[in-house]
C-alpha cells in the first residue's frame, strides 16, 4: 500500500467547514421564513381588530373602508345584539393570513358608549 503524505492534508477540515456553512445558511433561512410568518399573522390580527372596532362604532361601511385601506378583505361579518349593545365578529384575510376579532359596544350608566375588542 502506498501512502501519500501531505497532499490530502486539511481536506476533512474544508469539508466540515462547508457542511457547517450550509447548515447555518439553512437555519437562517428557516428562521427568516418563520419570522415573516409571525409578522404577517400579527398584522392580520391588528387589521381584524381595527375592522371590528370600526364596525362596532361606525358600521359596516367604515369597516369595509378600513379593511380596504389595509389591503384586507372582510371574509365573514356578523353583527348582532340589542340596540345600543352591538357585537361585531369579523374574519379578515390579509396578505395570505386570516384573523378574527370580536368587538362589542355597550352603553354605560351615563349613556356613553364604550367599545372593546377581544378574540372571538
PDB file of N, CA and C in Angstrom:
ATOM      1  N   UNK A   1       0.840  -1.158   0.000  1.00  0.00           N
ATOM      2  CA  UNK A   1       0.000   0.000   0.000  1.00  0.00           C
ATOM      3  C   UNK A   1       0.892   1.229   0.000  1.00  0.00           C
ATOM      4  N   UNK A   2       0.496   2.187  -0.799  1.00  0.00           N
ATOM      5  CA  UNK A   2       1.277   3.406  -0.963  1.00  0.00           C
ATOM      6  C   UNK A   2       0.532   4.556  -0.282  1.00  0.00           C
ATOM      7  N   UNK A   3       1.135   5.235   0.639  1.00  0.00           N
ATOM      8  CA  UNK A   3       0.531   6.346   1.366  1.00  0.00           C
ATOM      9  C   UNK A   3       1.180   7.638   0.915  1.00  0.00           C
ATOM     10  N   UNK A   4       0.336   8.599   0.498  1.00  0.00           N
ATOM     11  CA  UNK A   4       0.839   9.898   0.084  1.00  0.00           C
ATOM     12  C   UNK A   4       0.693  10.830   1.274  1.00  0.00           C
ATOM     13  N   UNK A   5       1.772  11.406   1.674  1.00  0.00           N
ATOM     14  CA  UNK A   5       1.763  12.278   2.835  1.00  0.00           C
ATOM     15  C   UNK A   5       1.752  13.727   2.367  1.00  0.00           C
ATOM     16  N   UNK A   6       0.838  14.535   2.923  1.00  0.00           N
ATOM     17  CA  UNK A   6       0.853  15.963   2.659  1.00  0.00           C
ATOM     18  C   UNK A   6      -0.131  16.452   1.625  1.00  0.00           C
ATOM     19  N   UNK A   7      -0.538  15.621   0.664  1.00  0.00           N
ATOM     20  CA  UNK A   7      -1.426  16.105  -0.390  1.00  0.00           C
ATOM     21  C   UNK A   7      -2.883  16.212   0.058  1.00  0.00           C
ATOM     22  N   UNK A   8      -3.345  15.314   0.904  1.00  0.00           N
ATOM     23  CA  UNK A   8      -4.739  15.322   1.344  1.00  0.00           C
ATOM     24  C   UNK A   8      -4.918  15.995   2.697  1.00  0.00           C
ATOM     25  N   UNK A   9      -3.879  16.536   3.171  1.00  0.00           N
ATOM     26  CA  UNK A   9      -3.927  17.151   4.482  1.00  0.00           C
ATOM     27  C   UNK A   9      -4.898  18.349   4.475  1.00  0.00           C
ATOM     28  N   UNK A  10      -5.824  18.425   5.445  1.00  0.00           N
ATOM     29  CA  UNK A  10      -6.752  19.541   5.539  1.00  0.00           C
ATOM     30  C   UNK A  10      -8.055  19.349   4.788  1.00  0.00           C
ATOM     31  N   UNK A  11      -8.224  18.252   4.058  1.00  0.00           N
ATOM     32  CA  UNK A  11      -9.455  18.030   3.299  1.00  0.00           C
ATOM     33  C   UNK A  11     -10.665  17.849   4.216  1.00  0.00           C
ATOM     34  N   UNK A  12     -10.485  17.161   5.312  1.00  0.00           N
ATOM     35  CA  UNK A  12     -11.599  16.943   6.239  1.00  0.00           C
ATOM     36  C   UNK A  12     -12.058  18.271   6.842  1.00  0.00           C
ATOM     37  N   UNK A  13     -11.117  19.127   7.165  1.00  0.00           N
ATOM     38  CA  UNK A  13     -11.466  20.423   7.747  1.00  0.00           C
ATOM     39  C   UNK A  13     -12.252  21.274   6.744  1.00  0.00           C
ATOM     40  N   UNK A  14     -11.853  21.283   5.492  1.00  0.00           N
ATOM     41  CA  UNK A  14     -12.550  22.059   4.463  1.00  0.00           C
ATOM     42  C   UNK A  14     -13.959  21.515   4.236  1.00  0.00           C
ATOM     43  N   UNK A  15     -14.088  20.203   4.207  1.00  0.00           N
ATOM     44  CA  UNK A  15     -15.399  19.583   4.026  1.00  0.00           C
ATOM     45  C   UNK A  15     -16.313  19.899   5.208  1.00  0.00           C
ATOM     46  N   UNK A  16     -15.758  19.803   6.409  1.00  0.00           N
ATOM     47  CA  UNK A  16     -16.539  20.101   7.610  1.00  0.00           C
ATOM     48  C   UNK A  16     -16.961  21.570   7.630  1.00  0.00           C
ATOM     49  N   UNK A  17     -16.075  22.462   7.258  1.00  0.00           N
ATOM     50  CA  UNK A  17     -16.387  23.889   7.227  1.00  0.00           C
ATOM     51  C   UNK A  17     -17.511  24.177   6.225  1.00  0.00           C
ATOM     52  N   UNK A  18     -17.473  23.537   5.072  1.00  0.00           N
ATOM     53  CA  UNK A  18     -18.521  23.703   4.067  1.00  0.00           C
ATOM     54  C   UNK A  18     -19.862  23.189   4.596  1.00  0.00           C
ATOM     55  N   UNK A  19     -19.847  22.031   5.239  1.00  0.00           N
ATOM     56  CA  UNK A  19     -21.079  21.458   5.789  1.00  0.00           C
ATOM     57  C   UNK A  19     -21.675  22.369   6.858  1.00  0.00           C
ATOM     58  N   UNK A  20     -20.836  22.915   7.721  1.00  0.00           N
ATOM     59  CA  UNK A  20     -21.314  23.823   8.769  1.00  0.00           C
ATOM     60  C   UNK A  20     -21.900  25.090   8.147  1.00  0.00           C
ATOM     61  N   UNK A  21     -21.261  25.627   7.117  1.00  0.00           N
ATOM     62  CA  UNK A  21     -21.755  26.836   6.455  1.00  0.00           C
ATOM     63  C   UNK A  21     -23.122  26.586   5.811  1.00  0.00           C
ATOM     64  N   UNK A  22     -23.293  25.455   5.145  1.00  0.00           N
ATOM     65  CA  UNK A  22     -24.569  25.123   4.508  1.00  0.00           C
ATOM     66  C   UNK A  22     -25.658  24.939   5.571  1.00  0.00           C
ATOM     67  N   UNK A  23     -25.329  24.226   6.641  1.00  0.00           N
ATOM     68  CA  UNK A  23     -26.289  24.003   7.721  1.00  0.00           C
ATOM     69  C   UNK A  23     -26.709  25.328   8.360  1.00  0.00           C
ATOM     70  N   UNK A  24     -25.764  26.213   8.588  1.00  0.00           N
ATOM     71  CA  UNK A  24     -26.056  27.523   9.170  1.00  0.00           C
ATOM     72  C   UNK A  24     -26.956  28.339   8.244  1.00  0.00           C
ATOM     73  N   UNK A  25     -26.677  28.310   6.956  1.00  0.00           N
ATOM     74  CA  UNK A  25     -27.500  29.041   5.986  1.00  0.00           C
ATOM     75  C   UNK A  25     -28.939  28.520   5.988  1.00  0.00           C
ATOM     76  N   UNK A  26     -29.111  27.209   6.084  1.00  0.00           N
ATOM     77  CA  UNK A  26     -30.457  26.634   6.120  1.00  0.00           C
ATOM     78  C   UNK A  26     -31.213  27.061   7.376  1.00  0.00           C
ATOM     79  N   UNK A  27     -30.526  27.102   8.495  1.00  0.00           N
ATOM     80  CA  UNK A  27     -31.163  27.533   9.742  1.00  0.00           C
ATOM     81  C   UNK A  27     -31.575  29.002   9.654  1.00  0.00           C
ATOM     82  N   UNK A  28     -30.711  29.843   9.095  1.00  0.00           N
ATOM     83  CA  UNK A  28     -31.025  31.268   8.958  1.00  0.00           C
ATOM     84  C   UNK A  28     -32.232  31.462   8.036  1.00  0.00           C
ATOM     85  N   UNK A  29     -32.281  30.734   6.931  1.00  0.00           N
ATOM     86  CA  UNK A  29     -33.420  30.845   6.014  1.00  0.00           C
ATOM     87  C   UNK A  29     -34.721  30.385   6.674  1.00  0.00           C
ATOM     88  N   UNK A  30     -34.661  29.303   7.428  1.00  0.00           N
ATOM     89  CA  UNK A  30     -35.858  28.811   8.119  1.00  0.00           C
ATOM     90  C   UNK A  30     -36.336  29.820   9.162  1.00  0.00           C
ATOM     91  N   UNK A  31     -35.408  30.411   9.903  1.00  0.00           N
ATOM     92  CA  UNK A  31     -35.772  31.404  10.922  1.00  0.00           C
ATOM     93  C   UNK A  31     -36.392  32.644  10.276  1.00  0.00           C
ATOM     94  N   UNK A  32     -35.846  33.074   9.143  1.00  0.00           N
ATOM     95  CA  UNK A  32     -36.387  34.247   8.452  1.00  0.00           C
ATOM     96  C   UNK A  32     -37.801  33.970   7.951  1.00  0.00           C
ATOM     97  N   UNK A  33     -38.011  32.785   7.437  1.00  0.00           N
ATOM     98  CA  UNK A  33     -39.346  32.432   6.941  1.00  0.00           C
ATOM     99  C   UNK A  33     -40.356  32.372   8.089  1.00  0.00           C
ATOM    100  N   UNK A  34     -39.962  31.776   9.193  1.00  0.00           N
ATOM    101  CA  UNK A  34     -40.842  31.698  10.358  1.00  0.00           C
ATOM    102  C   UNK A  34     -41.128  33.091  10.906  1.00  0.00           C
ATOM    103  N   UNK A  35     -40.111  33.930  10.982  1.00  0.00           N
ATOM    104  CA  UNK A  35     -40.290  35.303  11.467  1.00  0.00           C
ATOM    105  C   UNK A  35     -41.243  36.088  10.586  1.00  0.00           C
ATOM    106  N   UNK A  36     -41.124  35.925   9.277  1.00  0.00           N
ATOM    107  CA  UNK A  36     -42.026  36.605   8.346  1.00  0.00           C
ATOM    108  C   UNK A  36     -43.463  36.159   8.529  1.00  0.00           C
ATOM    109  N   UNK A  37     -43.655  34.876   8.788  1.00  0.00           N
ATOM    110  CA  UNK A  37     -44.995  34.348   9.013  1.00  0.00           C
ATOM    111  C   UNK A  37     -45.608  34.920  10.288  1.00  0.00           C
ATOM    112  N   UNK A  38     -44.805  35.039  11.328  1.00  0.00           N
ATOM    113  CA  UNK A  38     -45.287  35.605  12.594  1.00  0.00           C
ATOM    114  C   UNK A  38     -45.685  37.065  12.396  1.00  0.00           C
ATOM    115  N   UNK A  39     -44.876  37.814  11.653  1.00  0.00           N
ATOM    116  CA  UNK A  39     -45.181  39.226  11.393  1.00  0.00           C
ATOM    117  C   UNK A  39     -46.476  39.346  10.588  1.00  0.00           C
ATOM    118  N   UNK A  40     -46.642  38.515   9.558  1.00  0.00           N
ATOM    119  CA  UNK A  40     -47.861  38.562   8.749  1.00  0.00           C
ATOM    120  C   UNK A  40     -49.091  38.228   9.591  1.00  0.00           C
ATOM    121  N   UNK A  41     -48.971  37.257  10.462  1.00  0.00           N
ATOM    122  CA  UNK A  41     -50.094  36.869  11.325  1.00  0.00           C
ATOM    123  C   UNK A  41     -50.452  38.009  12.283  1.00  0.00           C
ATOM    124  N   UNK A  42     -49.435  38.655  12.831  1.00  0.00           N
ATOM    125  CA  UNK A  42     -49.670  39.771  13.746  1.00  0.00           C
ATOM    126  C   UNK A  42     -50.348  40.930  13.024  1.00  0.00           C
ATOM    127  N   UNK A  43     -49.901  41.216  11.815  1.00  0.00           N
ATOM    128  CA  UNK A  43     -50.527  42.289  11.035  1.00  0.00           C
ATOM    129  C   UNK A  43     -51.975  41.956  10.712  1.00  0.00           C
ATOM    130  N   UNK A  44     -52.231  40.701  10.362  1.00  0.00           N
ATOM    131  CA  UNK A  44     -53.606  40.292  10.071  1.00  0.00           C
ATOM    132  C   UNK A  44     -54.488  40.473  11.297  1.00  0.00           C
ATOM    133  N   UNK A  45     -53.969  40.136  12.469  1.00  0.00           N
ATOM    134  CA  UNK A  45     -54.761  40.293  13.692  1.00  0.00           C
ATOM    135  C   UNK A  45     -55.014  41.763  14.001  1.00  0.00           C
ATOM    136  N   UNK A  46     -54.010  42.603  13.774  1.00  0.00           N
ATOM    137  CA  UNK A  46     -54.174  44.039  14.008  1.00  0.00           C
ATOM    138  C   UNK A  46     -55.252  44.617  13.094  1.00  0.00           C
ATOM    139  N   UNK A  47     -55.235  44.209  11.830  1.00  0.00           N
ATOM    140  CA  UNK A  47     -56.254  44.681  10.886  1.00  0.00           C
ATOM    141  C   UNK A  47     -57.634  44.176  11.306  1.00  0.00           C
ATOM    142  N   UNK A  48     -57.722  42.915  11.717  1.00  0.00           N
ATOM    143  CA  UNK A  48     -59.015  42.371  12.154  1.00  0.00           C
ATOM    144  C   UNK A  48     -59.550  43.154  13.349  1.00  0.00           C
ATOM    145  N   UNK A  49     -58.683  43.479  14.297  1.00  0.00           N
ATOM    146  CA  UNK A  49     -59.105  44.266  15.462  1.00  0.00           C
ATOM    147  C   UNK A  49     -59.620  45.643  15.040  1.00  0.00           C
ATOM    148  N   UNK A  50     -58.875  46.302  14.152  1.00  0.00           N
ATOM    149  CA  UNK A  50     -59.273  47.642  13.697  1.00  0.00           C
ATOM    150  C   UNK A  50     -60.600  47.596  12.944  1.00  0.00           C
ATOM    151  N   UNK A  51     -60.769  46.584  12.107  1.00  0.00           N
ATOM    152  CA  UNK A  51     -62.007  46.449  11.333  1.00  0.00           C
ATOM    153  C   UNK A  51     -63.192  46.190  12.264  1.00  0.00           C
ATOM    154  N   UNK A  52     -63.002  45.320  13.248  1.00  0.00           N
ATOM    155  CA  UNK A  52     -64.094  45.025  14.185  1.00  0.00           C
ATOM    156  C   UNK A  52     -64.477  46.268  14.984  1.00  0.00           C
ATOM    157  N   UNK A  53     -63.479  47.008  15.455  1.00  0.00           N
ATOM    158  CA  UNK A  53     -63.781  48.236  16.206  1.00  0.00           C
ATOM    159  C   UNK A  53     -64.470  49.276  15.329  1.00  0.00           C
ATOM    160  N   UNK A  54     -63.996  49.416  14.087  1.00  0.00           N
ATOM    161  CA  UNK A  54     -64.646  50.360  13.170  1.00  0.00           C
ATOM    162  C   UNK A  54     -66.089  49.946  12.915  1.00  0.00           C
ATOM    163  N   UNK A  55     -66.311  48.654  12.776  1.00  0.00           N
ATOM    164  CA  UNK A  55     -67.660  48.165  12.519  1.00  0.00           C
ATOM    165  C   UNK A  55     -68.606  48.390  13.673  1.00  0.00           C
ATOM    166  N   UNK A  56     -68.123  48.174  14.878  1.00  0.00           N
ATOM    167  CA  UNK A  56     -68.998  48.311  16.038  1.00  0.00           C
ATOM    168  C   UNK A  56     -69.256  49.774  16.380  1.00  0.00           C
ATOM    169  N   UNK A  57     -68.332  50.654  16.045  1.00  0.00           N
ATOM    170  CA  UNK A  57     -68.520  52.069  16.375  1.00  0.00           C
ATOM    171  C   UNK A  57     -69.113  52.883  15.227  1.00  0.00           C
ATOM    172  N   UNK A  58     -68.810  52.505  13.969  1.00  0.00           N
ATOM    173  CA  UNK A  58     -69.254  53.319  12.830  1.00  0.00           C
ATOM    174  C   UNK A  58     -69.999  52.540  11.748  1.00  0.00           C
ATOM    175  N   UNK A  59     -70.188  51.251  11.904  1.00  0.00           N
ATOM    176  CA  UNK A  59     -70.953  50.477  10.936  1.00  0.00           C
ATOM    177  C   UNK A  59     -70.094  49.755   9.910  1.00  0.00           C
ATOM    178  N   UNK A  60     -70.777  48.941   9.123  1.00  0.00           N
ATOM    179  CA  UNK A  60     -70.088  48.087   8.166  1.00  0.00           C
ATOM    180  C   UNK A  60     -69.349  48.882   7.091  1.00  0.00           C
ATOM    181  N   UNK A  61     -69.927  49.980   6.622  1.00  0.00           N
ATOM    182  CA  UNK A  61     -69.269  50.760   5.565  1.00  0.00           C
ATOM    183  C   UNK A  61     -67.884  51.221   6.012  1.00  0.00           C
ATOM    184  N   UNK A  62     -67.774  51.688   7.249  1.00  0.00           N
ATOM    185  CA  UNK A  62     -66.473  52.124   7.760  1.00  0.00           C
ATOM    186  C   UNK A  62     -65.538  50.928   7.921  1.00  0.00           C
ATOM    187  N   UNK A  63     -66.072  49.802   8.357  1.00  0.00           N
ATOM    188  CA  UNK A  63     -65.245  48.602   8.499  1.00  0.00           C
ATOM    189  C   UNK A  63     -64.681  48.174   7.143  1.00  0.00           C
ATOM    190  N   UNK A  64     -65.526  48.225   6.109  1.00  0.00           N
ATOM    191  CA  UNK A  64     -65.067  47.883   4.752  1.00  0.00           C
ATOM    192  C   UNK A  64     -63.974  48.852   4.300  1.00  0.00           C
ATOM    193  N   UNK A  65     -64.157  50.121   4.613  1.00  0.00           N
ATOM    194  CA  UNK A  65     -63.162  51.130   4.220  1.00  0.00           C
ATOM    195  C   UNK A  65     -61.821  50.872   4.907  1.00  0.00           C
ATOM    196  N   UNK A  66     -61.855  50.611   6.208  1.00  0.00           N
ATOM    197  CA  UNK A  66     -60.621  50.342   6.955  1.00  0.00           C
ATOM    198  C   UNK A  66     -59.937  49.094   6.402  1.00  0.00           C
ATOM    199  N   UNK A  67     -60.714  48.057   6.145  1.00  0.00           N
ATOM    200  CA  UNK A  67     -60.138  46.827   5.586  1.00  0.00           C
ATOM    201  C   UNK A  67     -59.481  47.120   4.241  1.00  0.00           C
ATOM    202  N   UNK A  68     -60.183  47.844   3.375  1.00  0.00           N
ATOM    203  CA  UNK A  68     -59.642  48.165   2.054  1.00  0.00           C
ATOM    204  C   UNK A  68     -58.378  48.992   2.115  1.00  0.00           C
ATOM    205  N   UNK A  69     -58.324  49.936   3.051  1.00  0.00           N
ATOM    206  CA  UNK A  69     -57.129  50.776   3.185  1.00  0.00           C
ATOM    207  C   UNK A  69     -55.902  49.969   3.598  1.00  0.00           C
ATOM    208  N   UNK A  70     -56.124  48.825   4.222  1.00  0.00           N
ATOM    209  CA  UNK A  70     -55.010  47.988   4.663  1.00  0.00           C
ATOM    210  C   UNK A  70     -54.810  46.771   3.770  1.00  0.00           C
ATOM    211  N   UNK A  71     -55.502  46.752   2.648  1.00  0.00           N
ATOM    212  CA  UNK A  71     -55.339  45.644   1.718  1.00  0.00           C
ATOM    213  C   UNK A  71     -55.961  44.352   2.215  1.00  0.00           C
ATOM    214  N   UNK A  72     -56.912  44.459   3.126  1.00  0.00           N
ATOM    215  CA  UNK A  72     -57.564  43.280   3.692  1.00  0.00           C
ATOM    216  C   UNK A  72     -58.967  43.136   3.123  1.00  0.00           C
ATOM    217  N   UNK A  73     -59.525  41.975   3.298  1.00  0.00           N
ATOM    218  CA  UNK A  73     -60.875  41.681   2.837  1.00  0.00           C
ATOM    219  C   UNK A  73     -61.654  41.105   4.012  1.00  0.00           C
ATOM    220  N   UNK A  74     -62.864  41.593   4.228  1.00  0.00           N
ATOM    221  CA  UNK A  74     -63.720  41.012   5.264  1.00  0.00           C
ATOM    222  C   UNK A  74     -64.310  39.729   4.698  1.00  0.00           C
ATOM    223  N   UNK A  75     -63.930  38.614   5.289  1.00  0.00           N
ATOM    224  CA  UNK A  75     -64.388  37.312   4.820  1.00  0.00           C
ATOM    225  C   UNK A  75     -65.737  36.967   5.446  1.00  0.00           C
ATOM    226  N   UNK A  76     -65.890  37.243   6.717  1.00  0.00           N
ATOM    227  CA  UNK A  76     -67.135  36.967   7.435  1.00  0.00           C
ATOM    228  C   UNK A  76     -67.512  38.194   8.246  1.00  0.00           C
ATOM    229  N   UNK A  77     -68.797  38.515   8.245  1.00  0.00           N
ATOM    230  CA  UNK A  77     -69.291  39.662   9.034  1.00  0.00           C
ATOM    231  C   UNK A  77     -70.554  39.216   9.745  1.00  0.00           C
ATOM    232  N   UNK A  78     -70.590  39.427  11.030  1.00  0.00           N
ATOM    233  CA  UNK A  78     -71.804  39.129  11.784  1.00  0.00           C
ATOM    234  C   UNK A  78     -71.997  40.221  12.817  1.00  0.00           C
ATOM    235  N   UNK A  79     -73.109  40.887  12.753  1.00  0.00           N
ATOM    236  CA  UNK A  79     -73.426  41.933  13.730  1.00  0.00           C
ATOM    237  C   UNK A  79     -74.746  41.562  14.381  1.00  0.00           C
ATOM    238  N   UNK A  80     -74.755  41.558  15.693  1.00  0.00           N
ATOM    239  CA  UNK A  80     -76.000  41.262  16.395  1.00  0.00           C
ATOM    240  C   UNK A  80     -75.998  41.951  17.746  1.00  0.00           C
ATOM    241  N   UNK A  81     -77.089  41.864  18.411  1.00  0.00           N
ATOM    242  CA  UNK A  81     -77.216  42.474  19.724  1.00  0.00           C
ATOM    243  C   UNK A  81     -78.353  43.470  19.735  1.00  0.00           C
ATOM    244  N   UNK A  82     -78.839  43.791  20.922  1.00  0.00           N
ATOM    245  CA  UNK A  82     -79.927  44.764  21.027  1.00  0.00           C
ATOM    246  C   UNK A  82     -79.429  46.162  20.685  1.00  0.00           C
ATOM    247  N   UNK A  83     -80.323  47.082  20.361  1.00  0.00           N
ATOM    248  CA  UNK A  83     -79.904  48.458  20.072  1.00  0.00           C
ATOM    249  C   UNK A  83     -79.090  49.026  21.236  1.00  0.00           C
ATOM    250  N   UNK A  84     -78.017  49.673  20.905  1.00  0.00           N
ATOM    251  CA  UNK A  84     -77.145  50.245  21.924  1.00  0.00           C
ATOM    252  C   UNK A  84     -76.120  49.268  22.454  1.00  0.00           C
ATOM    253  N   UNK A  85     -76.231  47.999  22.090  1.00  0.00           N
ATOM    254  CA  UNK A  85     -75.255  46.993  22.514  1.00  0.00           C
ATOM    255  C   UNK A  85     -74.987  46.097  21.313  1.00  0.00           C
ATOM    256  N   UNK A  86     -74.032  46.464  20.515  1.00  0.00           N
ATOM    257  CA  UNK A  86     -73.752  45.765  19.261  1.00  0.00           C
ATOM    258  C   UNK A  86     -72.509  44.908  19.428  1.00  0.00           C
ATOM    259  N   UNK A  87     -72.545  43.750  18.791  1.00  0.00           N
ATOM    260  CA  UNK A  87     -71.376  42.882  18.740  1.00  0.00           C
ATOM    261  C   UNK A  87     -71.073  42.616  17.275  1.00  0.00           C
ATOM    262  N   UNK A  88     -69.826  42.790  16.884  1.00  0.00           N
ATOM    263  CA  UNK A  88     -69.402  42.540  15.510  1.00  0.00           C
ATOM    264  C   UNK A  88     -68.313  41.481  15.547  1.00  0.00           C
ATOM    265  N   UNK A  89     -68.469  40.458  14.735  1.00  0.00           N
ATOM    266  CA  UNK A  89     -67.460  39.420  14.591  1.00  0.00           C
ATOM    267  C   UNK A  89     -66.985  39.453  13.149  1.00  0.00           C
ATOM    268  N   UNK A  90     -65.688  39.640  12.946  1.00  0.00           N
ATOM    269  CA  UNK A  90     -65.148  39.674  11.589  1.00  0.00           C
ATOM    270  C   UNK A  90     -64.060  38.627  11.442  1.00  0.00           C
ATOM    271  N   UNK A  91     -63.961  38.125  10.233  1.00  0.00           N
ATOM    272  CA  UNK A  91     -62.884  37.228   9.833  1.00  0.00           C
ATOM    273  C   UNK A  91     -62.226  37.932   8.659  1.00  0.00           C
ATOM    274  N   UNK A  92     -60.957  38.282   8.790  1.00  0.00           N
ATOM    275  CA  UNK A  92     -60.270  39.111   7.806  1.00  0.00           C
ATOM    276  C   UNK A  92     -59.178  38.308   7.118  1.00  0.00           C
ATOM    277  N   UNK A  93     -59.096  38.468   5.802  1.00  0.00           N
ATOM    278  CA  UNK A  93     -57.989  37.902   5.043  1.00  0.00           C
ATOM    279  C   UNK A  93     -57.012  39.018   4.714  1.00  0.00           C
ATOM    280  N   UNK A  94     -55.740  38.809   5.070  1.00  0.00           N
ATOM    281  CA  UNK A  94     -54.725  39.849   4.856  1.00  0.00           C
ATOM    282  C   UNK A  94     -53.398  39.193   4.520  1.00  0.00           C
ATOM    283  N   UNK A  95     -52.879  39.470   3.344  1.00  0.00           N
ATOM    284  CA  UNK A  95     -51.544  39.023   2.951  1.00  0.00           C
ATOM    285  C   UNK A  95     -51.360  37.513   3.123  1.00  0.00           C
ATOM    286  N   UNK A  96     -52.379  36.750   2.759  1.00  0.00           N
ATOM    287  CA  UNK A  96     -52.283  35.299   2.857  1.00  0.00           C
ATOM    288  C   UNK A  96     -52.591  34.735   4.229  1.00  0.00           C
ATOM    289  N   UNK A  97     -52.828  35.563   5.187  1.00  0.00           N
ATOM    290  CA  UNK A  97     -53.156  35.120   6.550  1.00  0.00           C
ATOM    291  C   UNK A  97     -54.610  35.465   6.842  1.00  0.00           C
ATOM    292  N   UNK A  98     -55.201  34.755   7.795  1.00  0.00           N
ATOM    293  CA  UNK A  98     -56.563  35.066   8.238  1.00  0.00           C
ATOM    294  C   UNK A  98     -56.556  35.290   9.734  1.00  0.00           C
ATOM    295  N   UNK A  99     -57.385  36.215  10.166  1.00  0.00           N
ATOM    296  CA  UNK A  99     -57.501  36.505  11.594  1.00  0.00           C
ATOM    297  C   UNK A  99     -58.937  36.898  11.893  1.00  0.00           C
ATOM    298  N   UNK A 100     -59.339  36.675  13.121  1.00  0.00           N
ATOM    299  CA  UNK A 100     -60.696  37.008  13.551  1.00  0.00           C
ATOM    300  C   UNK A 100     -60.650  37.941  14.743  1.00  0.00           C
ATOM    301  N   UNK A 101     -61.681  38.749  14.875  1.00  0.00           N
ATOM    302  CA  UNK A 101     -61.800  39.630  16.042  1.00  0.00           C
ATOM    303  C   UNK A 101     -63.275  39.834  16.342  1.00  0.00           C
ATOM    304  N   UNK A 102     -63.551  40.038  17.601  1.00  0.00           N
ATOM    305  CA  UNK A 102     -64.908  40.326  18.062  1.00  0.00           C
ATOM    306  C   UNK A 102     -64.853  41.660  18.792  1.00  0.00           C
ATOM    307  N   UNK A 103     -65.734  42.563  18.418  1.00  0.00           N
ATOM    308  CA  UNK A 103     -65.810  43.860  19.102  1.00  0.00           C
ATOM    309  C   UNK A 103     -67.228  44.045  19.612  1.00  0.00           C
ATOM    310  N   UNK A 104     -67.340  44.617  20.776  1.00  0.00           N
ATOM    311  CA  UNK A 104     -68.652  44.900  21.351  1.00  0.00           C
ATOM    312  C   UNK A 104     -68.684  46.337  21.829  1.00  0.00           C
ATOM    313  N   UNK A 105     -69.861  46.919  21.797  1.00  0.00           N
ATOM    314  CA  UNK A 105     -70.021  48.232  22.422  1.00  0.00           C
ATOM    315  C   UNK A 105     -71.193  48.145  23.379  1.00  0.00           C
ATOM    316  N   UNK A 106     -71.088  48.883  24.417  1.00  0.00           N
ATOM    317  CA  UNK A 106     -72.134  48.877  25.434  1.00  0.00           C
ATOM    318  C   UNK A 106     -72.368  50.298  25.918  1.00  0.00           C
ATOM    319  N   UNK A 107     -73.584  50.551  26.301  1.00  0.00           N
ATOM    320  CA  UNK A 107     -73.907  51.833  26.929  1.00  0.00           C
ATOM    321  C   UNK A 107     -73.657  51.694  28.424  1.00  0.00           C
ATOM    322  N   UNK A 108     -72.918  52.637  28.973  1.00  0.00           N
ATOM    323  CA  UNK A 108     -72.735  52.609  30.428  1.00  0.00           C
ATOM    324  C   UNK A 108     -73.880  53.374  31.093  1.00  0.00           C
ATOM    325  N   UNK A 109     -73.849  53.491  32.391  1.00  0.00           N
ATOM    326  CA  UNK A 109     -74.917  54.152  33.128  1.00  0.00           C
ATOM    327  C   UNK A 109     -75.112  55.610  32.753  1.00  0.00           C
ATOM    328  N   UNK A 110     -74.063  56.260  32.236  1.00  0.00           N
ATOM    329  CA  UNK A 110     -74.147  57.679  31.875  1.00  0.00           C
ATOM    330  C   UNK A 110     -74.544  57.871  30.415  1.00  0.00           C
ATOM    331  N   UNK A 111     -74.865  56.782  29.727  1.00  0.00           N
ATOM    332  CA  UNK A 111     -75.262  56.890  28.330  1.00  0.00           C
ATOM    333  C   UNK A 111     -74.096  56.967  27.360  1.00  0.00           C
ATOM    334  N   UNK A 112     -72.877  56.715  27.849  1.00  0.00           N
ATOM    335  CA  UNK A 112     -71.704  56.716  26.970  1.00  0.00           C
ATOM    336  C   UNK A 112     -71.491  55.317  26.403  1.00  0.00           C
ATOM    337  N   UNK A 113     -70.966  55.277  25.192  1.00  0.00           N
ATOM    338  CA  UNK A 113     -70.685  54.001  24.545  1.00  0.00           C
ATOM    339  C   UNK A 113     -69.211  53.685  24.726  1.00  0.00           C
ATOM    340  N   UNK A 114     -68.936  52.463  25.130  1.00  0.00           N
ATOM    341  CA  UNK A 114     -67.544  52.013  25.185  1.00  0.00           C
ATOM    342  C   UNK A 114     -67.414  50.806  24.270  1.00  0.00           C
ATOM    343  N   UNK A 115     -66.303  50.714  23.562  1.00  0.00           N
ATOM    344  CA  UNK A 115     -66.070  49.608  22.634  1.00  0.00           C
ATOM    345  C   UNK A 115     -64.868  48.809  23.107  1.00  0.00           C
ATOM    346  N   UNK A 116     -64.964  47.504  22.956  1.00  0.00           N
ATOM    347  CA  UNK A 116     -63.894  46.599  23.368  1.00  0.00           C
ATOM    348  C   UNK A 116     -63.679  45.576  22.268  1.00  0.00           C
ATOM    349  N   UNK A 117     -62.446  45.168  22.095  1.00  0.00           N
ATOM    350  CA  UNK A 117     -62.135  44.132  21.118  1.00  0.00           C
ATOM    351  C   UNK A 117     -61.469  42.980  21.849  1.00  0.00           C
ATOM    352  N   UNK A 118     -61.789  41.765  21.400  1.00  0.00           N
ATOM    353  CA  UNK A 118     -61.221  40.566  22.017  1.00  0.00           C
ATOM    354  C   UNK A 118     -61.197  39.449  20.990  1.00  0.00           C
ATOM    355  N   UNK A 119     -60.521  38.378  21.338  1.00  0.00           N
ATOM    356  CA  UNK A 119     -60.509  37.207  20.464  1.00  0.00           C
ATOM    357  C   UNK A 119     -61.917  36.623  20.425  1.00  0.00           C
ATOM    358  N   UNK A 120     -62.316  36.100  19.267  1.00  0.00           N
ATOM    359  CA  UNK A 120     -63.672  35.538  19.157  1.00  0.00           C
ATOM    360  C   UNK A 120     -63.823  34.267  19.974  1.00  0.00           C
TER     361      UNK A 120
END
